[in-house]
PDB file of N, CA and C in Angstrom:
ATOM      1  N   MET A   1     106.582 103.971 116.498  1.00  0.00           N
ATOM      2  CA  MET A   1     105.811 103.274 115.480  1.00  0.00           C
ATOM      3  C   MET A   1     104.452 102.902 116.071  1.00  0.00           C
ATOM      4  N   ASP A   2     103.390 103.431 115.501  1.00  0.00           N
ATOM      5  CA  ASP A   2     102.034 103.113 115.938  1.00  0.00           C
ATOM      6  C   ASP A   2     101.529 101.898 115.176  1.00  0.00           C
ATOM      7  N   ILE A   3     100.992 100.923 115.898  1.00  0.00           N
ATOM      8  CA  ILE A   3     100.410  99.726 115.294  1.00  0.00           C
ATOM      9  C   ILE A   3      98.898  99.802 115.456  1.00  0.00           C
ATOM     10  N   VAL A   4      98.201  99.525 114.365  1.00  0.00           N
ATOM     11  CA  VAL A   4      96.741  99.584 114.333  1.00  0.00           C
ATOM     12  C   VAL A   4      96.222  98.181 114.057  1.00  0.00           C
ATOM     13  N   GLN A   5      95.265  97.718 114.854  1.00  0.00           N
ATOM     14  CA  GLN A   5      94.668  96.392 114.662  1.00  0.00           C
ATOM     15  C   GLN A   5      93.257  96.575 114.122  1.00  0.00           C
ATOM     16  N   VAL A   6      92.959  95.924 112.995  1.00  0.00           N
ATOM     17  CA  VAL A   6      91.615  95.930 112.411  1.00  0.00           C
ATOM     18  C   VAL A   6      91.253  94.470 112.165  1.00  0.00           C
ATOM     19  N   GLY A   7      90.372  93.933 112.981  1.00  0.00           N
ATOM     20  CA  GLY A   7      90.064  92.506 112.885  1.00  0.00           C
ATOM     21  C   GLY A   7      91.328  91.715 113.155  1.00  0.00           C
ATOM     22  N   SER A   8      91.682  90.835 112.223  1.00  0.00           N
ATOM     23  CA  SER A   8      92.908  90.054 112.371  1.00  0.00           C
ATOM     24  C   SER A   8      94.098  90.706 111.656  1.00  0.00           C
ATOM     25  N   LYS A   9      93.885  91.850 111.043  1.00  0.00           N
ATOM     26  CA  LYS A   9      94.935  92.543 110.288  1.00  0.00           C
ATOM     27  C   LYS A   9      95.625  93.585 111.164  1.00  0.00           C
ATOM     28  N   LYS A  10      96.942  93.729 110.958  1.00  0.00           N
ATOM     29  CA  LYS A  10      97.710  94.752 111.662  1.00  0.00           C
ATOM     30  C   LYS A  10      98.315  95.703 110.642  1.00  0.00           C
ATOM     31  N   TYR A  11      98.324  96.980 111.000  1.00  0.00           N
ATOM     32  CA  TYR A  11      98.877  98.023 110.147  1.00  0.00           C
ATOM     33  C   TYR A  11      99.817  98.899 110.954  1.00  0.00           C
ATOM     34  N   GLU A  12     100.809  99.444 110.260  1.00  0.00           N
ATOM     35  CA  GLU A  12     101.736 100.396 110.849  1.00  0.00           C
ATOM     36  C   GLU A  12     101.381 101.780 110.320  1.00  0.00           C
ATOM     37  N   LEU A  13     101.253 102.747 111.197  1.00  0.00           N
ATOM     38  CA  LEU A  13     100.967 104.123 110.787  1.00  0.00           C
ATOM     39  C   LEU A  13     102.276 104.743 110.308  1.00  0.00           C
ATOM     40  N   LEU A  14     102.392 104.921 108.988  1.00  0.00           N
ATOM     41  CA  LEU A  14     103.619 105.458 108.397  1.00  0.00           C
ATOM     42  C   LEU A  14     103.652 106.978 108.406  1.00  0.00           C
ATOM     43  N   LYS A  15     102.498 107.596 108.176  1.00  0.00           N
ATOM     44  CA  LYS A  15     102.444 109.051 108.077  1.00  0.00           C
ATOM     45  C   LYS A  15     101.120 109.548 108.617  1.00  0.00           C
ATOM     46  N   ASP A  16     101.191 110.627 109.395  1.00  0.00           N
ATOM     47  CA  ASP A  16     100.007 111.277 109.937  1.00  0.00           C
ATOM     48  C   ASP A  16     100.157 112.765 109.633  1.00  0.00           C
ATOM     49  N   HIS A  17      99.711 113.161 108.456  1.00  0.00           N
ATOM     50  CA  HIS A  17      99.860 114.538 107.981  1.00  0.00           C
ATOM     51  C   HIS A  17      98.721 115.398 108.525  1.00  0.00           C
ATOM     52  N   LYS A  18      99.076 116.461 109.218  1.00  0.00           N
ATOM     53  CA  LYS A  18      98.105 117.406 109.805  1.00  0.00           C
ATOM     54  C   LYS A  18      97.093 116.719 110.711  1.00  0.00           C
ATOM     55  N   GLU A  19      97.571 115.728 111.453  1.00  0.00           N
ATOM     56  CA  GLU A  19      96.727 114.989 112.405  1.00  0.00           C
ATOM     57  C   GLU A  19      95.491 114.388 111.737  1.00  0.00           C
ATOM     58  N   GLY A  20      95.708 113.809 110.564  1.00  0.00           N
ATOM     59  CA  GLY A  20      94.610 113.183 109.830  1.00  0.00           C
ATOM     60  C   GLY A  20      94.168 111.853 110.410  1.00  0.00           C
ATOM     61  N   TRP A  21      95.024 111.221 111.222  1.00  0.00           N
ATOM     62  CA  TRP A  21      94.704 109.909 111.781  1.00  0.00           C
ATOM     63  C   TRP A  21      93.671 110.039 112.892  1.00  0.00           C
ATOM     64  N   ASP A  22      92.536 109.367 112.726  1.00  0.00           N
ATOM     65  CA  ASP A  22      91.472 109.314 113.723  1.00  0.00           C
ATOM     66  C   ASP A  22      91.021 107.853 113.800  1.00  0.00           C
ATOM     67  N   PRO A  23      91.517 107.105 114.805  1.00  0.00           N
ATOM     68  CA  PRO A  23      91.230 105.666 114.865  1.00  0.00           C
ATOM     69  C   PRO A  23      89.743 105.326 114.902  1.00  0.00           C
ATOM     70  N   GLU A  24      88.957 106.106 115.607  1.00  0.00           N
ATOM     71  CA  GLU A  24      87.526 105.805 115.713  1.00  0.00           C
ATOM     72  C   GLU A  24      86.831 105.931 114.353  1.00  0.00           C
ATOM     73  N   THR A  25      87.095 107.018 113.654  1.00  0.00           N
ATOM     74  CA  THR A  25      86.486 107.218 112.331  1.00  0.00           C
ATOM     75  C   THR A  25      86.998 106.183 111.344  1.00  0.00           C
ATOM     76  N   PHE A  26      88.297 105.856 111.433  1.00  0.00           N
ATOM     77  CA  PHE A  26      88.871 104.833 110.553  1.00  0.00           C
ATOM     78  C   PHE A  26      88.139 103.509 110.746  1.00  0.00           C
ATOM     79  N   ASN A  27      87.966 103.086 111.988  1.00  0.00           N
ATOM     80  CA  ASN A  27      87.270 101.819 112.255  1.00  0.00           C
ATOM     81  C   ASN A  27      85.840 101.837 111.746  1.00  0.00           C
ATOM     82  N   ASP A  28      85.176 102.983 111.841  1.00  0.00           N
ATOM     83  CA  ASP A  28      83.815 103.100 111.328  1.00  0.00           C
ATOM     84  C   ASP A  28      83.761 102.995 109.806  1.00  0.00           C
ATOM     85  N   ARG A  29      84.752 103.552 109.135  1.00  0.00           N
ATOM     86  CA  ARG A  29      84.766 103.605 107.663  1.00  0.00           C
ATOM     87  C   ARG A  29      85.408 102.368 107.022  1.00  0.00           C
ATOM     88  N   TYR A  30      86.210 101.628 107.768  1.00  0.00           N
ATOM     89  CA  TYR A  30      86.941 100.488 107.223  1.00  0.00           C
ATOM     90  C   TYR A  30      85.969  99.431 106.698  1.00  0.00           C
ATOM     91  N   SER A  31      86.316  98.871 105.543  1.00  0.00           N
ATOM     92  CA  SER A  31      85.507  97.832 104.927  1.00  0.00           C
ATOM     93  C   SER A  31      86.412  96.652 104.584  1.00  0.00           C
ATOM     94  N   GLU A  32      85.862  95.454 104.583  1.00  0.00           N
ATOM     95  CA  GLU A  32      86.636  94.249 104.256  1.00  0.00           C
ATOM     96  C   GLU A  32      87.254  94.317 102.860  1.00  0.00           C
ATOM     97  N   VAL A  33      86.716  95.142 101.997  1.00  0.00           N
ATOM     98  CA  VAL A  33      87.275  95.317 100.652  1.00  0.00           C
ATOM     99  C   VAL A  33      88.737  95.764 100.748  1.00  0.00           C
ATOM    100  N   LEU A  34      89.068  96.496 101.805  1.00  0.00           N
ATOM    101  CA  LEU A  34      90.427  97.017 101.973  1.00  0.00           C
ATOM    102  C   LEU A  34      91.414  95.958 102.461  1.00  0.00           C
ATOM    103  N   ASP A  35      90.935  94.786 102.884  1.00  0.00           N
ATOM    104  CA  ASP A  35      91.808  93.724 103.394  1.00  0.00           C
ATOM    105  C   ASP A  35      92.870  93.284 102.389  1.00  0.00           C
ATOM    106  N   ARG A  36      92.580  93.389 101.123  1.00  0.00           N
ATOM    107  CA  ARG A  36      93.502  92.871 100.104  1.00  0.00           C
ATOM    108  C   ARG A  36      94.669  93.806  99.800  1.00  0.00           C
ATOM    109  N   TYR A  37      94.606  95.045 100.273  1.00  0.00           N
ATOM    110  CA  TYR A  37      95.640  96.028  99.947  1.00  0.00           C
ATOM    111  C   TYR A  37      96.792  96.004 100.952  1.00  0.00           C
ATOM    112  N   ASP A  38      97.972  96.394 100.464  1.00  0.00           N
ATOM    113  CA  ASP A  38      99.172  96.463 101.300  1.00  0.00           C
ATOM    114  C   ASP A  38      99.258  97.792 102.046  1.00  0.00           C
ATOM    115  N   VAL A  39      98.739  98.855 101.449  1.00  0.00           N
ATOM    116  CA  VAL A  39      98.798 100.195 102.030  1.00  0.00           C
ATOM    117  C   VAL A  39      97.419 100.842 101.883  1.00  0.00           C
ATOM    118  N   ILE A  40      97.011 101.575 102.919  1.00  0.00           N
ATOM    119  CA  ILE A  40      95.745 102.316 102.884  1.00  0.00           C
ATOM    120  C   ILE A  40      96.039 103.784 103.148  1.00  0.00           C
ATOM    121  N   VAL A  41      95.481 104.639 102.298  1.00  0.00           N
ATOM    122  CA  VAL A  41      95.578 106.086 102.498  1.00  0.00           C
ATOM    123  C   VAL A  41      94.197 106.585 102.891  1.00  0.00           C
ATOM    124  N   GLY A  42      94.161 107.367 103.950  1.00  0.00           N
ATOM    125  CA  GLY A  42      92.921 108.001 104.375  1.00  0.00           C
ATOM    126  C   GLY A  42      93.077 109.502 104.258  1.00  0.00           C
ATOM    127  N   ASP A  43      92.159 110.163 103.549  1.00  0.00           N
ATOM    128  CA  ASP A  43      92.240 111.620 103.409  1.00  0.00           C
ATOM    129  C   ASP A  43      90.894 112.239 103.771  1.00  0.00           C
ATOM    130  N   TRP A  44      90.973 113.477 104.255  1.00  0.00           N
ATOM    131  CA  TRP A  44      89.800 114.192 104.726  1.00  0.00           C
ATOM    132  C   TRP A  44      89.401 115.287 103.757  1.00  0.00           C
ATOM    133  N   GLY A  45      88.120 115.334 103.441  1.00  0.00           N
ATOM    134  CA  GLY A  45      87.562 116.398 102.617  1.00  0.00           C
ATOM    135  C   GLY A  45      86.126 116.637 103.023  1.00  0.00           C
ATOM    136  N   TYR A  46      85.775 117.873 103.285  1.00  0.00           N
ATOM    137  CA  TYR A  46      84.408 118.228 103.691  1.00  0.00           C
ATOM    138  C   TYR A  46      83.960 117.411 104.900  1.00  0.00           C
ATOM    139  N   SER A  47      84.870 117.263 105.860  1.00  0.00           N
ATOM    140  CA  SER A  47      84.627 116.539 107.125  1.00  0.00           C
ATOM    141  C   SER A  47      84.307 115.058 106.928  1.00  0.00           C
ATOM    142  N   GLN A  48      84.671 114.501 105.781  1.00  0.00           N
ATOM    143  CA  GLN A  48      84.455 113.084 105.493  1.00  0.00           C
ATOM    144  C   GLN A  48      85.800 112.395 105.275  1.00  0.00           C
ATOM    145  N   LEU A  49      85.951 111.199 105.841  1.00  0.00           N
ATOM    146  CA  LEU A  49      87.156 110.402 105.640  1.00  0.00           C
ATOM    147  C   LEU A  49      86.951 109.493 104.436  1.00  0.00           C
ATOM    148  N   ARG A  50      87.912 109.547 103.519  1.00  0.00           N
ATOM    149  CA  ARG A  50      87.879 108.693 102.336  1.00  0.00           C
ATOM    150  C   ARG A  50      89.083 107.759 102.424  1.00  0.00           C
ATOM    151  N   LEU A  51      88.874 106.459 102.140  1.00  0.00           N
ATOM    152  CA  LEU A  51      89.943 105.467 102.203  1.00  0.00           C
ATOM    153  C   LEU A  51      90.206 104.891 100.827  1.00  0.00           C
ATOM    154  N   LYS A  52      91.490 104.727 100.508  1.00  0.00           N
ATOM    155  CA  LYS A  52      91.885 104.148  99.214  1.00  0.00           C
ATOM    156  C   LYS A  52      93.034 103.182  99.463  1.00  0.00           C
ATOM    157  N   GLY A  53      92.986 102.026  98.809  1.00  0.00           N
ATOM    158  CA  GLY A  53      94.018 101.008  98.974  1.00  0.00           C
ATOM    159  C   GLY A  53      95.012 100.988  97.827  1.00  0.00           C
ATOM    160  N   PHE A  54      96.230 100.572  98.152  1.00  0.00           N
ATOM    161  CA  PHE A  54      97.319 100.465  97.181  1.00  0.00           C
ATOM    162  C   PHE A  54      98.060  99.148  97.390  1.00  0.00           C
ATOM    163  N   PHE A  55      98.628  98.619  96.298  1.00  0.00           N
ATOM    164  CA  PHE A  55      99.418  97.391  96.337  1.00  0.00           C
ATOM    165  C   PHE A  55     100.907  97.708  96.276  1.00  0.00           C
ATOM    166  N   GLN A  56     101.732  96.853  96.913  1.00  0.00           N
ATOM    167  CA  GLN A  56     103.188  96.992  96.841  1.00  0.00           C
ATOM    168  C   GLN A  56     103.678  96.683  95.422  1.00  0.00           C
ATOM    169  N   GLU A  57     103.168  95.619  94.845  1.00  0.00           N
ATOM    170  CA  GLU A  57     103.594  95.181  93.518  1.00  0.00           C
ATOM    171  C   GLU A  57     102.366  94.963  92.651  1.00  0.00           C
ATOM    172  N   ARG A  58     102.602  94.917  91.360  1.00  0.00           N
ATOM    173  CA  ARG A  58     101.504  94.696  90.414  1.00  0.00           C
ATOM    174  C   ARG A  58     100.952  93.274  90.576  1.00  0.00           C
ATOM    175  N   HIS A  59      99.649  93.167  90.745  1.00  0.00           N
ATOM    176  CA  HIS A  59      98.947  91.887  90.895  1.00  0.00           C
ATOM    177  C   HIS A  59      98.013  91.707  89.705  1.00  0.00           C
ATOM    178  N   GLY A  60      98.280  90.763  88.859  1.00  0.00           N
ATOM    179  CA  GLY A  60      97.367  90.445  87.764  1.00  0.00           C
ATOM    180  C   GLY A  60      96.888  91.656  86.995  1.00  0.00           C
ATOM    181  N   ARG A  61      95.625  91.998  87.182  1.00  0.00           N
ATOM    182  CA  ARG A  61      95.019  93.099  86.421  1.00  0.00           C
ATOM    183  C   ARG A  61      95.039  94.424  87.194  1.00  0.00           C
ATOM    184  N   THR A  62      95.970  94.571  88.108  1.00  0.00           N
ATOM    185  CA  THR A  62      96.075  95.808  88.883  1.00  0.00           C
ATOM    186  C   THR A  62      96.551  96.943  87.995  1.00  0.00           C
ATOM    187  N   SER A  63      95.907  98.083  88.128  1.00  0.00           N
ATOM    188  CA  SER A  63      96.325  99.240  87.346  1.00  0.00           C
ATOM    189  C   SER A  63      97.531  99.915  88.004  1.00  0.00           C
ATOM    190  N   LYS A  64      98.245 100.671  87.227  1.00  0.00           N
ATOM    191  CA  LYS A  64      99.414 101.402  87.716  1.00  0.00           C
ATOM    192  C   LYS A  64      99.005 102.370  88.825  1.00  0.00           C
ATOM    193  N   ASP A  65      97.806 102.919  88.746  1.00  0.00           N
ATOM    194  CA  ASP A  65      97.318 103.884  89.730  1.00  0.00           C
ATOM    195  C   ASP A  65      97.077 103.262  91.104  1.00  0.00           C
ATOM    196  N   SER A  66      97.086 101.943  91.191  1.00  0.00           N
ATOM    197  CA  SER A  66      96.847 101.269  92.467  1.00  0.00           C
ATOM    198  C   SER A  66      98.139 100.804  93.134  1.00  0.00           C
ATOM    199  N   LEU A  67      99.275 101.268  92.627  1.00  0.00           N
ATOM    200  CA  LEU A  67     100.569 100.868  93.188  1.00  0.00           C
ATOM    201  C   LEU A  67     101.065 101.900  94.199  1.00  0.00           C
ATOM    202  N   VAL A  68     101.789 101.429  95.199  1.00  0.00           N
ATOM    203  CA  VAL A  68     102.312 102.284  96.264  1.00  0.00           C
ATOM    204  C   VAL A  68     103.104 103.465  95.712  1.00  0.00           C
ATOM    205  N   GLN A  69     103.810 103.264  94.624  1.00  0.00           N
ATOM    206  CA  GLN A  69     104.630 104.323  94.035  1.00  0.00           C
ATOM    207  C   GLN A  69     103.806 105.535  93.603  1.00  0.00           C
ATOM    208  N   THR A  70     102.494 105.374  93.466  1.00  0.00           N
ATOM    209  CA  THR A  70     101.650 106.473  92.987  1.00  0.00           C
ATOM    210  C   THR A  70     100.898 107.198  94.097  1.00  0.00           C
ATOM    211  N   ILE A  71     101.185 106.883  95.364  1.00  0.00           N
ATOM    212  CA  ILE A  71     100.466 107.514  96.484  1.00  0.00           C
ATOM    213  C   ILE A  71     100.630 109.029  96.468  1.00  0.00           C
ATOM    214  N   GLU A  72     101.839 109.505  96.278  1.00  0.00           N
ATOM    215  CA  GLU A  72     102.065 110.955  96.267  1.00  0.00           C
ATOM    216  C   GLU A  72     101.254 111.617  95.156  1.00  0.00           C
ATOM    217  N   ASP A  73     101.226 110.998  93.962  1.00  0.00           N
ATOM    218  CA  ASP A  73     100.423 111.533  92.851  1.00  0.00           C
ATOM    219  C   ASP A  73      98.944 111.543  93.224  1.00  0.00           C
ATOM    220  N   TYR A  74      98.466 110.475  93.869  1.00  0.00           N
ATOM    221  CA  TYR A  74      97.072 110.388  94.293  1.00  0.00           C
ATOM    222  C   TYR A  74      96.728 111.556  95.232  1.00  0.00           C
ATOM    223  N   ILE A  75      97.590 111.803  96.201  1.00  0.00           N
ATOM    224  CA  ILE A  75      97.336 112.876  97.165  1.00  0.00           C
ATOM    225  C   ILE A  75      97.298 114.234  96.466  1.00  0.00           C
ATOM    226  N   ILE A  76      98.211 114.465  95.545  1.00  0.00           N
ATOM    227  CA  ILE A  76      98.257 115.743  94.832  1.00  0.00           C
ATOM    228  C   ILE A  76      97.057 115.920  93.905  1.00  0.00           C
ATOM    229  N   GLU A  77      96.704 114.867  93.175  1.00  0.00           N
ATOM    230  CA  GLU A  77      95.687 114.974  92.130  1.00  0.00           C
ATOM    231  C   GLU A  77      94.248 114.741  92.597  1.00  0.00           C
ATOM    232  N   HIS A  78      94.049 113.917  93.629  1.00  0.00           N
ATOM    233  CA  HIS A  78      92.689 113.511  93.989  1.00  0.00           C
ATOM    234  C   HIS A  78      92.219 113.969  95.360  1.00  0.00           C
ATOM    235  N   CYS A  79      93.116 114.503  96.166  1.00  0.00           N
ATOM    236  CA  CYS A  79      92.734 114.960  97.501  1.00  0.00           C
ATOM    237  C   CYS A  79      92.620 116.479  97.506  1.00  0.00           C
ATOM    238  N   ASN A  80      91.821 116.991  98.433  1.00  0.00           N
ATOM    239  CA  ASN A  80      91.705 118.442  98.565  1.00  0.00           C
ATOM    240  C   ASN A  80      93.063 119.036  98.919  1.00  0.00           C
ATOM    241  N   PHE A  81      93.385 120.162  98.330  1.00  0.00           N
ATOM    242  CA  PHE A  81      94.667 120.804  98.554  1.00  0.00           C
ATOM    243  C   PHE A  81      94.889 121.058 100.046  1.00  0.00           C
ATOM    244  N   GLY A  82      96.022 120.578 100.554  1.00  0.00           N
ATOM    245  CA  GLY A  82      96.386 120.806 101.945  1.00  0.00           C
ATOM    246  C   GLY A  82      95.598 120.010 102.960  1.00  0.00           C
ATOM    247  N   CYS A  83      94.887 118.991 102.512  1.00  0.00           N
ATOM    248  CA  CYS A  83      94.045 118.231 103.438  1.00  0.00           C
ATOM    249  C   CYS A  83      94.883 117.390 104.410  1.00  0.00           C
ATOM    250  N   ALA A  84      94.254 117.024 105.495  1.00  0.00           N
ATOM    251  CA  ALA A  84      94.854 116.099 106.448  1.00  0.00           C
ATOM    252  C   ALA A  84      94.714 114.690 105.865  1.00  0.00           C
ATOM    253  N   TYR A  85      95.747 113.871 106.061  1.00  0.00           N
ATOM    254  CA  TYR A  85      95.684 112.486 105.586  1.00  0.00           C
ATOM    255  C   TYR A  85      96.620 111.618 106.401  1.00  0.00           C
ATOM    256  N   PHE A  86      96.488 110.313 106.214  1.00  0.00           N
ATOM    257  CA  PHE A  86      97.390 109.352 106.869  1.00  0.00           C
ATOM    258  C   PHE A  86      97.664 108.203 105.916  1.00  0.00           C
ATOM    259  N   VAL A  87      98.754 107.481 106.206  1.00  0.00           N
ATOM    260  CA  VAL A  87      99.154 106.329 105.403  1.00  0.00           C
ATOM    261  C   VAL A  87      99.415 105.169 106.360  1.00  0.00           C
ATOM    262  N   LEU A  88      98.741 104.043 106.112  1.00  0.00           N
ATOM    263  CA  LEU A  88      98.933 102.821 106.893  1.00  0.00           C
ATOM    264  C   LEU A  88      99.515 101.739 105.998  1.00  0.00           C
ATOM    265  N   ARG A  89     100.508 100.997 106.524  1.00  0.00           N
ATOM    266  CA  ARG A  89     101.070  99.856 105.779  1.00  0.00           C
ATOM    267  C   ARG A  89     100.745  98.578 106.535  1.00  0.00           C
ATOM    268  N   ARG A  90     100.222  97.608 105.805  1.00  0.00           N
ATOM    269  CA  ARG A  90      99.852  96.329 106.415  1.00  0.00           C
ATOM    270  C   ARG A  90     101.101  95.578 106.839  1.00  0.00           C
ATOM    271  N   ILE A  91     101.041  95.006 108.030  1.00  0.00           N
ATOM    272  CA  ILE A  91     102.132  94.182 108.548  1.00  0.00           C
ATOM    273  C   ILE A  91     101.748  92.740 108.275  1.00  0.00           C
ATOM    274  N   ARG A  92     102.519  92.096 107.455  1.00  0.00           N
ATOM    275  CA  ARG A  92     102.241  90.694 107.121  1.00  0.00           C
ATOM    276  C   ARG A  92     103.035  89.792 108.053  1.00  0.00           C
ATOM    277  N   ASN A  93     102.386  88.752 108.549  1.00  0.00           N
ATOM    278  CA  ASN A  93     103.077  87.794 109.402  1.00  0.00           C
ATOM    279  C   ASN A  93     104.022  86.964 108.561  1.00  0.00           C
ATOM    280  N   ALA A  94     105.248  86.798 109.056  1.00  0.00           N
ATOM    281  CA  ALA A  94     106.225  85.963 108.349  1.00  0.00           C
ATOM    282  C   ALA A  94     105.782  84.512 108.471  1.00  0.00           C
ATOM    283  N   PRO A  95     106.012  83.703 107.415  1.00  0.00           N
ATOM    284  CA  PRO A  95     105.641  82.291 107.507  1.00  0.00           C
ATOM    285  C   PRO A  95     106.460  81.626 108.604  1.00  0.00           C
ATOM    286  N   PRO A  96     105.871  80.681 109.329  1.00  0.00           N
ATOM    287  CA  PRO A  96     106.613  80.037 110.419  1.00  0.00           C
ATOM    288  C   PRO A  96     107.831  79.303 109.873  1.00  0.00           C
ATOM    289  N   LYS A  97     108.944  79.461 110.578  1.00  0.00           N
ATOM    290  CA  LYS A  97     110.176  78.786 110.156  1.00  0.00           C
ATOM    291  C   LYS A  97     110.143  77.354 110.644  1.00  0.00           C
ATOM    292  N   GLN A  98     110.755  76.475 109.850  1.00  0.00           N
ATOM    293  CA  GLN A  98     110.835  75.071 110.227  1.00  0.00           C
ATOM    294  C   GLN A  98     111.808  74.955 111.382  1.00  0.00           C
ATOM    295  N   SER A  99     111.389  74.311 112.464  1.00  0.00           N
ATOM    296  CA  SER A  99     112.278  74.184 113.619  1.00  0.00           C
ATOM    297  C   SER A  99     113.459  73.301 113.264  1.00  0.00           C
ATOM    298  N   GLN A 100     114.552  73.465 114.023  1.00  0.00           N
ATOM    299  CA  GLN A 100     115.751  72.655 113.771  1.00  0.00           C
ATOM    300  C   GLN A 100     115.453  71.188 114.000  1.00  0.00           C
ATOM    301  N   GLN A 101     114.618  70.869 114.998  1.00  0.00           N
ATOM    302  CA  GLN A 101     114.268  69.486 115.289  1.00  0.00           C
ATOM    303  C   GLN A 101     113.576  68.865 114.071  1.00  0.00           C
ATOM    304  N   GLN A 102     112.626  69.576 113.451  1.00  0.00           N
ATOM    305  CA  GLN A 102     111.942  69.057 112.268  1.00  0.00           C
ATOM    306  C   GLN A 102     112.928  68.923 111.115  1.00  0.00           C
ATOM    307  N   HIS A 103     113.833  69.884 110.988  1.00  0.00           N
ATOM    308  CA  HIS A 103     114.820  69.861 109.911  1.00  0.00           C
ATOM    309  C   HIS A 103     115.727  68.641 110.049  1.00  0.00           C
ATOM    310  N   LYS A 104     116.166  68.334 111.281  1.00  0.00           N
ATOM    311  CA  LYS A 104     117.043  67.177 111.513  1.00  0.00           C
ATOM    312  C   LYS A 104     116.327  65.878 111.187  1.00  0.00           C
ATOM    313  N   LYS A 105     115.049  65.770 111.589  1.00  0.00           N
ATOM    314  CA  LYS A 105     114.280  64.560 111.295  1.00  0.00           C
ATOM    315  C   LYS A 105     114.164  64.357 109.786  1.00  0.00           C
ATOM    316  N   GLY A 106     113.909  65.432 109.061  1.00  0.00           N
ATOM    317  CA  GLY A 106     113.797  65.345 107.613  1.00  0.00           C
ATOM    318  C   GLY A 106     115.113  64.937 106.982  1.00  0.00           C
ATOM    319  N   SER A 107     116.235  65.438 107.510  1.00  0.00           N
ATOM    320  CA  SER A 107     117.558  65.105 106.970  1.00  0.00           C
ATOM    321  C   SER A 107     117.880  63.644 107.223  1.00  0.00           C
ATOM    322  N   GLN A 108     117.534  63.127 108.414  1.00  0.00           N
ATOM    323  CA  GLN A 108     117.825  61.738 108.737  1.00  0.00           C
ATOM    324  C   GLN A 108     117.045  60.796 107.833  1.00  0.00           C
ATOM    325  N   LYS A 109     115.812  61.123 107.557  1.00  0.00           N
ATOM    326  CA  LYS A 109     115.012  60.273 106.681  1.00  0.00           C
ATOM    327  C   LYS A 109     115.617  60.224 105.283  1.00  0.00           C
ATOM    328  N   ALA A 110     116.127  61.334 104.813  1.00  0.00           N
ATOM    329  CA  ALA A 110     116.685  61.391 103.477  1.00  0.00           C
ATOM    330  C   ALA A 110     117.972  60.577 103.393  1.00  0.00           C
ATOM    331  N   LYS A 111     118.726  60.448 104.515  1.00  0.00           N
ATOM    332  CA  LYS A 111     120.003  59.737 104.500  1.00  0.00           C
ATOM    333  C   LYS A 111     119.844  58.239 104.718  1.00  0.00           C
ATOM    334  N   THR A 112     118.688  57.791 105.181  1.00  0.00           N
ATOM    335  CA  THR A 112     118.464  56.371 105.439  1.00  0.00           C
ATOM    336  C   THR A 112     118.388  55.635 104.108  1.00  0.00           C
ATOM    337  N   PRO A 113     119.269  54.616 103.898  1.00  0.00           N
ATOM    338  CA  PRO A 113     119.245  53.897 102.601  1.00  0.00           C
ATOM    339  C   PRO A 113     117.974  53.075 102.449  1.00  0.00           C
ATOM    340  N   ALA A 114     117.507  52.948 101.234  1.00  0.00           N
ATOM    341  CA  ALA A 114     116.309  52.171 100.922  1.00  0.00           C
ATOM    342  C   ALA A 114     116.639  50.694 100.982  1.00  0.00           C
ATOM    343  N   LYS A 115     115.717  49.877 101.465  1.00  0.00           N
ATOM    344  CA  LYS A 115     115.934  48.429 101.562  1.00  0.00           C
ATOM    345  C   LYS A 115     115.297  47.697 100.411  1.00  0.00           C
TER     346      LYS A 115
END
């Protein structure tokens, strides 16, 4: 599993079709606009890297075409036939778990009778 760091964001390289993954070019082309997406697809056409973002789930006014389920359709319909491409999935940090010590303190306060 390859992990890619872009600023404070981490991504997992899910697919590298025909050696489409080029970290240097990706870093040059990456824009903060892509920070909001869960998955990024990079495809090559005419020696240019194009990046497109996708969401895991529908967010507000998100179109169906921006959902992860449509990546294969995007590659077939919008990328050059047989082109090299890659797929990155954002790794989200899990929220910190409440320690047992904090949990016990909270439980004790709840059990203390009011005066």
